[in-house]
Protein backbone atom coordinates (compact mmCIF):
# COMPACT_ATOMS: atom_id res chain seq x y z
CA MET A 1 72.98 107.98 112.67
CA ALA A 2 75.44 110.30 110.95
CA THR A 3 75.51 110.78 107.63
CA PRO A 4 77.86 112.49 105.47
CA LYS A 5 76.29 115.54 104.03
CA ARG A 6 79.07 115.76 100.56
CA ARG A 7 80.82 113.22 99.03
CA ILE A 8 84.93 112.61 100.13
CA SER A 9 87.15 113.11 96.99
CA HIS A 10 89.45 110.58 96.33
CA ALA A 11 92.37 112.73 96.97
CA ARG A 12 91.23 113.48 100.22
CA THR A 13 91.11 109.56 100.96
CA HIS A 14 94.31 108.53 99.15
CA ASN A 15 95.80 111.34 101.42
CA ARG A 16 94.84 110.50 104.81
CA LYS A 17 95.55 106.47 103.77
CA ALA A 18 98.98 107.00 102.67
CA LYS A 19 99.73 108.89 105.70
CA PHE A 20 99.14 105.59 107.84
CA LEU A 21 100.22 103.16 105.38
CA GLY A 22 103.37 105.28 104.90
CA ALA A 23 104.16 105.00 108.78
CA LEU A 24 104.05 101.33 108.76
CA ARG A 25 107.97 100.49 107.89
CA ALA A 26 110.15 97.69 109.05
CA MET A 27 111.86 98.23 112.56
CA PRO A 28 115.56 99.26 112.28
CA VAL A 29 117.59 96.92 113.34
CA THR A 30 121.69 97.11 114.42
CA ILE A 31 124.51 94.39 115.28
CA CYS A 32 125.10 93.22 118.85
CA PRO A 33 128.45 94.35 119.65
CA LYS A 34 129.14 91.62 121.72
CA CYS A 35 127.99 88.52 119.68
CA GLY A 36 127.35 90.23 116.30
CA GLU A 37 123.54 89.25 115.82
CA GLU A 38 120.91 91.64 114.29
CA ILE A 39 118.91 92.53 117.22
CA GLN A 40 116.23 95.73 116.87
CA THR A 41 117.63 99.02 117.98
CA TYR A 42 117.33 100.10 121.97
CA ARG A 43 116.31 96.41 122.69
CA ALA A 44 118.61 93.65 124.65
CA CYS A 45 119.97 91.13 122.60
CA GLY A 46 118.07 87.81 123.16
CA HIS A 47 121.09 85.99 122.01
CA CYS A 48 123.86 87.19 124.83
CA GLY A 49 121.65 89.12 127.29
CA TYR A 50 123.51 92.36 126.83
CA TYR A 51 122.06 95.95 126.42
CA ARG A 52 124.36 99.04 126.27
CA GLY A 53 127.39 97.08 127.58
CA ARG A 54 125.67 95.75 130.52
CA LYS A 55 124.00 92.25 131.29
CA VAL A 56 120.66 92.93 131.42
CA LEU A 57 119.01 89.42 130.66
CA LYS A 58 119.59 85.75 132.17
CA ILE A 59 120.05 83.78 129.17
CA ALA A 60 118.68 79.87 129.42
CA GLU A 61 121.82 77.93 128.38
CA GLU A 62 123.75 80.25 131.24
CA LYS A 63 121.60 78.53 133.89
CA GLN A 64 122.31 74.91 132.85
CA PRO A 65 125.77 73.98 134.90
């Protein structure tokens, strides 16, 4: 089994963890221009089904007569 030859310093360990933990952020959100709901960027709106001005999703409310 491989074992380390030298002890890894605290600074080196903290630098490695900081790069990983710094990348963990909340997803950016924007406002849907059709309905005004908050949505993730580059995603279709789950409320109205529009993406970039085009209808791309069928919503359950629309299917019922």
